[in-house]
N, C-alpha and C. Protein backbone atom coordinates (compact mmCIF):
# COMPACT_ATOMS: atom_id res chain seq x y z
N MET A 1 -27.49 45.84 13.57
CA MET A 1 -28.10 45.17 14.70
C MET A 1 -27.55 43.73 14.78
N THR A 2 -27.15 43.28 15.93
CA THR A 2 -26.60 41.94 16.12
C THR A 2 -27.72 40.93 16.33
N ARG A 3 -27.41 39.70 15.90
CA ARG A 3 -28.39 38.62 16.06
C ARG A 3 -28.39 38.12 17.50
N PRO A 4 -29.51 37.77 18.04
CA PRO A 4 -29.55 37.19 19.39
C PRO A 4 -28.79 35.85 19.40
N TYR A 5 -28.19 35.51 20.51
CA TYR A 5 -27.38 34.29 20.62
C TYR A 5 -28.16 33.03 20.30
N TRP A 6 -29.45 33.00 20.60
CA TRP A 6 -30.23 31.78 20.42
C TRP A 6 -30.56 31.51 18.95
N MET A 7 -30.34 32.49 18.05
CA MET A 7 -30.64 32.27 16.63
C MET A 7 -29.60 31.39 15.96
N ASP A 8 -28.45 31.20 16.57
CA ASP A 8 -27.42 30.35 16.01
C ASP A 8 -27.44 28.95 16.61
N ASP A 9 -28.37 28.67 17.47
CA ASP A 9 -28.47 27.36 18.12
C ASP A 9 -29.46 26.48 17.34
N PRO A 10 -28.98 25.41 16.65
CA PRO A 10 -29.88 24.58 15.87
C PRO A 10 -30.93 23.87 16.72
N GLY A 11 -30.66 23.68 18.00
CA GLY A 11 -31.65 23.07 18.88
C GLY A 11 -32.87 23.94 19.08
N ILE A 12 -32.67 25.23 19.00
CA ILE A 12 -33.77 26.18 19.19
C ILE A 12 -34.43 26.52 17.87
N THR A 13 -33.61 26.78 16.83
CA THR A 13 -34.17 27.24 15.56
C THR A 13 -34.66 26.10 14.67
N GLY A 14 -34.22 24.86 14.94
CA GLY A 14 -34.63 23.72 14.12
C GLY A 14 -33.83 23.58 12.84
N GLU A 15 -32.76 24.35 12.68
CA GLU A 15 -31.92 24.27 11.49
C GLU A 15 -30.87 23.19 11.70
N HIS A 16 -31.04 22.06 11.03
CA HIS A 16 -30.09 20.96 11.13
C HIS A 16 -29.57 20.63 9.74
N GLU A 17 -28.31 20.25 9.68
CA GLU A 17 -27.72 19.85 8.41
C GLU A 17 -28.29 18.50 8.01
N ILE A 18 -28.70 18.39 6.77
CA ILE A 18 -29.29 17.15 6.26
C ILE A 18 -28.29 16.48 5.33
N ASP A 19 -28.02 15.21 5.56
CA ASP A 19 -27.13 14.44 4.71
C ASP A 19 -27.95 13.82 3.58
N ILE A 20 -27.71 14.28 2.35
CA ILE A 20 -28.45 13.74 1.21
C ILE A 20 -27.58 12.81 0.37
N GLY A 21 -26.46 12.38 0.92
CA GLY A 21 -25.61 11.39 0.27
C GLY A 21 -24.61 11.94 -0.73
N LEU A 22 -24.42 13.24 -0.78
CA LEU A 22 -23.46 13.82 -1.72
C LEU A 22 -22.05 13.87 -1.17
N ARG A 23 -21.92 13.88 0.13
CA ARG A 23 -20.61 13.92 0.76
C ARG A 23 -19.98 12.53 0.69
N PRO A 24 -18.71 12.42 0.27
CA PRO A 24 -18.08 11.10 0.19
C PRO A 24 -17.96 10.46 1.57
N LYS A 25 -18.29 9.20 1.65
CA LYS A 25 -18.20 8.46 2.90
C LYS A 25 -16.76 7.97 3.09
N PRO A 26 -16.26 8.00 4.32
CA PRO A 26 -14.91 7.49 4.56
C PRO A 26 -14.87 5.98 4.29
N MET A 27 -13.78 5.54 3.67
CA MET A 27 -13.62 4.12 3.37
C MET A 27 -13.18 3.38 4.63
N VAL A 28 -13.74 2.22 4.83
CA VAL A 28 -13.45 1.42 6.00
C VAL A 28 -12.72 0.16 5.55
N GLY A 29 -11.67 -0.21 6.24
CA GLY A 29 -10.93 -1.43 5.90
C GLY A 29 -9.52 -1.10 5.46
N ARG A 30 -8.84 -2.13 4.96
CA ARG A 30 -7.47 -1.98 4.47
C ARG A 30 -7.46 -2.20 2.97
N PHE A 31 -6.63 -1.44 2.27
CA PHE A 31 -6.59 -1.50 0.82
C PHE A 31 -5.15 -1.49 0.34
N VAL A 32 -4.93 -2.01 -0.86
CA VAL A 32 -3.65 -1.88 -1.53
C VAL A 32 -3.75 -0.65 -2.40
N LYS A 33 -2.85 0.30 -2.17
CA LYS A 33 -2.88 1.56 -2.91
C LYS A 33 -2.11 1.39 -4.21
N GLY A 34 -2.69 1.86 -5.29
CA GLY A 34 -2.06 1.77 -6.60
C GLY A 34 -1.43 3.09 -6.96
N PRO A 35 -0.96 3.22 -8.13
CA PRO A 35 -0.99 2.20 -9.18
C PRO A 35 0.11 1.17 -8.97
N ILE A 36 -0.20 -0.05 -9.36
CA ILE A 36 0.77 -1.14 -9.35
C ILE A 36 1.07 -1.46 -10.81
N PRO A 37 2.32 -1.33 -11.22
CA PRO A 37 2.65 -1.55 -12.64
C PRO A 37 2.33 -2.98 -13.08
N LEU A 38 1.66 -3.10 -14.21
CA LEU A 38 1.29 -4.42 -14.70
C LEU A 38 2.50 -5.26 -15.08
N ASP A 39 3.58 -4.63 -15.52
CA ASP A 39 4.75 -5.43 -15.87
C ASP A 39 5.33 -6.13 -14.64
N SER A 40 5.19 -5.53 -13.46
CA SER A 40 5.63 -6.20 -12.23
C SER A 40 4.75 -7.41 -11.94
N LEU A 41 3.45 -7.27 -12.19
CA LEU A 41 2.53 -8.38 -11.95
C LEU A 41 2.76 -9.52 -12.94
N VAL A 42 3.13 -9.19 -14.17
CA VAL A 42 3.43 -10.24 -15.16
C VAL A 42 4.62 -11.06 -14.68
N VAL A 43 5.64 -10.37 -14.17
CA VAL A 43 6.85 -11.07 -13.70
C VAL A 43 6.54 -11.91 -12.47
N VAL A 44 5.85 -11.34 -11.48
CA VAL A 44 5.60 -12.05 -10.23
C VAL A 44 4.63 -13.21 -10.44
N ASN A 45 3.78 -13.13 -11.45
CA ASN A 45 2.83 -14.20 -11.73
C ASN A 45 3.54 -15.49 -12.13
N ARG A 46 4.74 -15.39 -12.65
CA ARG A 46 5.51 -16.57 -13.06
C ARG A 46 6.31 -17.18 -11.91
N LEU A 47 6.32 -16.52 -10.78
CA LEU A 47 7.09 -17.03 -9.64
C LEU A 47 6.23 -17.96 -8.80
N PRO A 48 6.84 -18.98 -8.19
CA PRO A 48 6.07 -19.93 -7.37
C PRO A 48 5.83 -19.41 -5.95
N GLY A 49 4.97 -20.12 -5.25
CA GLY A 49 4.77 -19.88 -3.82
C GLY A 49 4.05 -18.59 -3.50
N LYS A 50 4.52 -17.94 -2.44
CA LYS A 50 3.86 -16.75 -1.88
C LYS A 50 4.42 -15.44 -2.43
N ALA A 51 5.13 -15.50 -3.55
CA ALA A 51 5.76 -14.29 -4.08
C ALA A 51 4.71 -13.23 -4.43
N TRP A 52 3.60 -13.63 -5.02
CA TRP A 52 2.52 -12.71 -5.39
C TRP A 52 2.04 -11.96 -4.15
N LEU A 53 1.72 -12.71 -3.13
CA LEU A 53 1.21 -12.13 -1.89
C LEU A 53 2.24 -11.21 -1.25
N MET A 54 3.47 -11.64 -1.22
CA MET A 54 4.52 -10.82 -0.60
C MET A 54 4.69 -9.50 -1.34
N LEU A 55 4.64 -9.52 -2.68
CA LEU A 55 4.77 -8.28 -3.42
C LEU A 55 3.62 -7.33 -3.09
N LEU A 56 2.40 -7.84 -3.01
CA LEU A 56 1.26 -6.99 -2.65
C LEU A 56 1.40 -6.42 -1.24
N LEU A 57 1.89 -7.24 -0.31
CA LEU A 57 2.08 -6.75 1.06
C LEU A 57 3.17 -5.67 1.12
N ILE A 58 4.20 -5.82 0.32
CA ILE A 58 5.27 -4.82 0.27
C ILE A 58 4.72 -3.52 -0.33
N TYR A 59 3.92 -3.62 -1.40
CA TYR A 59 3.28 -2.43 -1.96
C TYR A 59 2.40 -1.75 -0.90
N HIS A 60 1.63 -2.55 -0.18
CA HIS A 60 0.74 -2.01 0.85
C HIS A 60 1.53 -1.26 1.92
N ARG A 61 2.56 -1.88 2.46
CA ARG A 61 3.35 -1.26 3.52
C ARG A 61 4.07 0.00 3.03
N THR A 62 4.56 -0.05 1.78
CA THR A 62 5.25 1.11 1.22
C THR A 62 4.30 2.29 1.10
N ALA A 63 3.08 2.04 0.64
CA ALA A 63 2.09 3.11 0.49
C ALA A 63 1.65 3.64 1.85
N MET A 64 1.51 2.78 2.84
CA MET A 64 1.04 3.19 4.16
C MET A 64 2.11 3.97 4.93
N SER A 65 3.37 3.61 4.75
CA SER A 65 4.42 4.25 5.54
C SER A 65 5.09 5.41 4.83
N SER A 66 4.96 5.47 3.52
CA SER A 66 5.61 6.47 2.66
C SER A 66 7.14 6.45 2.81
N ASP A 67 7.68 5.35 3.31
CA ASP A 67 9.13 5.16 3.36
C ASP A 67 9.55 4.28 2.20
N ARG A 68 10.77 4.44 1.76
CA ARG A 68 11.26 3.58 0.68
C ARG A 68 11.56 2.17 1.19
N TRP A 69 12.09 2.06 2.39
CA TRP A 69 12.41 0.77 2.98
C TRP A 69 11.35 0.41 4.01
N VAL A 70 10.80 -0.80 3.93
CA VAL A 70 9.75 -1.23 4.85
C VAL A 70 10.07 -2.61 5.40
N THR A 71 9.40 -2.97 6.47
CA THR A 71 9.45 -4.32 7.02
C THR A 71 8.02 -4.85 7.07
N LEU A 72 7.91 -6.16 7.14
CA LEU A 72 6.60 -6.81 7.27
C LEU A 72 6.54 -7.44 8.65
N SER A 73 5.56 -7.06 9.43
CA SER A 73 5.46 -7.56 10.80
C SER A 73 5.07 -9.03 10.82
N ARG A 74 5.45 -9.70 11.87
CA ARG A 74 5.10 -11.11 12.04
C ARG A 74 3.59 -11.28 12.09
N ASN A 75 2.89 -10.36 12.75
CA ASN A 75 1.43 -10.45 12.83
C ASN A 75 0.77 -10.36 11.46
N LEU A 76 1.24 -9.46 10.63
CA LEU A 76 0.69 -9.32 9.28
C LEU A 76 0.92 -10.59 8.47
N LEU A 77 2.12 -11.14 8.57
CA LEU A 77 2.43 -12.36 7.82
C LEU A 77 1.61 -13.54 8.34
N GLU A 78 1.44 -13.65 9.65
CA GLU A 78 0.62 -14.73 10.22
C GLU A 78 -0.83 -14.61 9.77
N GLU A 79 -1.33 -13.38 9.68
CA GLU A 79 -2.70 -13.16 9.24
C GLU A 79 -2.93 -13.70 7.83
N PHE A 80 -1.91 -13.63 6.99
CA PHE A 80 -2.02 -14.11 5.61
C PHE A 80 -1.47 -15.52 5.44
N GLY A 81 -1.09 -16.17 6.52
CA GLY A 81 -0.63 -17.55 6.45
C GLY A 81 0.75 -17.72 5.85
N VAL A 82 1.63 -16.75 6.09
CA VAL A 82 3.00 -16.82 5.58
C VAL A 82 3.94 -17.09 6.74
N ASN A 83 4.62 -18.24 6.71
CA ASN A 83 5.59 -18.52 7.77
C ASN A 83 6.96 -17.95 7.40
N ARG A 84 7.92 -18.06 8.30
CA ARG A 84 9.23 -17.44 8.10
C ARG A 84 9.95 -17.99 6.87
N GLU A 85 9.87 -19.29 6.68
CA GLU A 85 10.56 -19.90 5.54
C GLU A 85 9.92 -19.49 4.21
N ALA A 86 8.59 -19.42 4.17
CA ALA A 86 7.89 -18.98 2.95
C ALA A 86 8.24 -17.53 2.64
N LYS A 87 8.35 -16.71 3.69
CA LYS A 87 8.75 -15.31 3.50
C LYS A 87 10.15 -15.24 2.91
N ARG A 88 11.05 -16.01 3.47
CA ARG A 88 12.44 -16.00 3.01
C ARG A 88 12.54 -16.41 1.53
N ARG A 89 11.82 -17.50 1.17
CA ARG A 89 11.84 -17.97 -0.23
C ARG A 89 11.26 -16.93 -1.17
N ALA A 90 10.12 -16.33 -0.78
CA ALA A 90 9.46 -15.35 -1.64
C ALA A 90 10.33 -14.11 -1.82
N LEU A 91 10.98 -13.66 -0.76
CA LEU A 91 11.85 -12.49 -0.87
C LEU A 91 13.04 -12.77 -1.79
N ARG A 92 13.61 -13.97 -1.70
CA ARG A 92 14.71 -14.34 -2.60
C ARG A 92 14.24 -14.34 -4.05
N GLN A 93 13.04 -14.89 -4.30
CA GLN A 93 12.51 -14.94 -5.67
C GLN A 93 12.23 -13.53 -6.21
N LEU A 94 11.64 -12.69 -5.38
CA LEU A 94 11.33 -11.32 -5.81
C LEU A 94 12.60 -10.52 -6.08
N GLU A 95 13.61 -10.74 -5.25
CA GLU A 95 14.87 -10.03 -5.45
C GLU A 95 15.58 -10.54 -6.71
N ALA A 96 15.56 -11.85 -6.94
CA ALA A 96 16.17 -12.41 -8.14
C ALA A 96 15.46 -11.92 -9.41
N ALA A 97 14.17 -11.67 -9.31
CA ALA A 97 13.40 -11.17 -10.45
C ALA A 97 13.58 -9.68 -10.66
N GLY A 98 14.26 -9.00 -9.73
CA GLY A 98 14.53 -7.57 -9.86
C GLY A 98 13.37 -6.69 -9.43
N LEU A 99 12.41 -7.24 -8.69
CA LEU A 99 11.24 -6.47 -8.26
C LEU A 99 11.47 -5.74 -6.94
N ILE A 100 12.32 -6.29 -6.09
CA ILE A 100 12.62 -5.67 -4.80
C ILE A 100 14.11 -5.76 -4.52
N ARG A 101 14.54 -5.02 -3.52
CA ARG A 101 15.88 -5.15 -2.96
C ARG A 101 15.69 -5.38 -1.47
N THR A 102 16.52 -6.23 -0.88
CA THR A 102 16.41 -6.51 0.55
C THR A 102 17.70 -6.16 1.26
N GLU A 103 17.56 -5.87 2.54
CA GLU A 103 18.71 -5.62 3.43
C GLU A 103 18.48 -6.41 4.71
N GLN A 104 19.49 -7.10 5.16
CA GLN A 104 19.39 -7.84 6.42
C GLN A 104 20.60 -7.49 7.27
N HIS A 105 20.34 -6.87 8.40
CA HIS A 105 21.40 -6.57 9.35
C HIS A 105 21.24 -7.50 10.55
N SER A 106 22.32 -7.90 11.12
CA SER A 106 22.31 -8.84 12.22
C SER A 106 21.41 -8.35 13.36
N GLY A 107 20.46 -9.19 13.75
CA GLY A 107 19.58 -8.87 14.87
C GLY A 107 18.36 -8.03 14.50
N TYR A 108 18.20 -7.69 13.23
CA TYR A 108 17.07 -6.86 12.80
C TYR A 108 16.24 -7.60 11.75
N GLN A 109 15.00 -7.13 11.58
CA GLN A 109 14.14 -7.69 10.54
C GLN A 109 14.69 -7.34 9.16
N THR A 110 14.33 -8.17 8.18
CA THR A 110 14.69 -7.88 6.81
C THR A 110 13.92 -6.67 6.32
N ARG A 111 14.64 -5.74 5.72
CA ARG A 111 13.99 -4.55 5.15
C ARG A 111 13.90 -4.74 3.64
N MET A 112 12.78 -4.28 3.06
CA MET A 112 12.55 -4.44 1.63
C MET A 112 12.28 -3.10 0.99
N ARG A 113 12.64 -2.99 -0.27
CA ARG A 113 12.39 -1.78 -1.05
C ARG A 113 11.95 -2.18 -2.44
N LEU A 114 10.89 -1.54 -2.93
CA LEU A 114 10.42 -1.81 -4.29
C LEU A 114 11.41 -1.24 -5.29
N MET A 115 11.65 -1.97 -6.34
CA MET A 115 12.52 -1.51 -7.42
C MET A 115 11.62 -1.18 -8.61
N LEU A 116 11.15 0.05 -8.64
CA LEU A 116 10.25 0.46 -9.72
C LEU A 116 11.06 0.65 -10.99
N ARG A 117 10.56 0.05 -12.04
CA ARG A 117 11.26 0.15 -13.32
C ARG A 117 10.88 1.45 -14.01
N LYS A 118 11.88 2.08 -14.57
CA LYS A 118 11.63 3.33 -15.29
C LYS A 118 11.19 2.99 -16.70
N LYS A 119 10.31 3.85 -17.23
CA LYS A 119 9.84 3.65 -18.60
C LYS A 119 10.99 3.88 -19.56
N ARG A 120 11.08 3.00 -20.53
CA ARG A 120 12.11 3.16 -21.55
C ARG A 120 11.55 4.01 -22.68
N LYS A 121 12.42 4.82 -23.26
CA LYS A 121 12.00 5.61 -24.41
C LYS A 121 11.99 4.71 -25.63
N LYS A 122 10.99 4.90 -26.46
CA LYS A 122 10.92 4.13 -27.70
C LYS A 122 11.97 4.66 -28.65
N ARG A 123 12.52 3.76 -29.44
CA ARG A 123 13.52 4.19 -30.42
C ARG A 123 12.87 5.11 -31.45
N GLY A 124 13.57 6.13 -31.78
CA GLY A 124 13.06 7.09 -32.75
C GLY A 124 12.19 8.16 -32.13
N SER A 125 11.91 8.04 -30.84
CA SER A 125 11.10 9.04 -30.15
C SER A 125 11.96 10.24 -29.80
N LYS A 126 11.42 11.42 -30.00
CA LYS A 126 12.18 12.64 -29.73
C LYS A 126 11.99 13.14 -28.31
N ARG A 127 11.17 12.48 -27.53
CA ARG A 127 10.91 12.92 -26.15
C ARG A 127 11.85 12.32 -25.20
């Protein structure tokens, strides 16, 4: 025997889904996605100026776009108080420290890529 059509209508039967807080709530806002290697943070912590902030923004853009090469928009940099010259200095410092690689083509924005360091094997380790 088939059920009448009105038995599946929660407005008629009074069957409503109740949220008791077990379902994960969607996160609101912007986040830096990890993991971020601590050895990179140790190196960038010794650099002057906006290098710390620029590295975090590059990590953020890389995670959001899933591309190896990313750019940082003027709006994003203005939001964090980074002008063009500060960006240029920070990118030079990060590249000199071996944390990123940059590409600049005539007429285009500077593209950046994270240079993730590979784990070194310990001496005497058989793995």
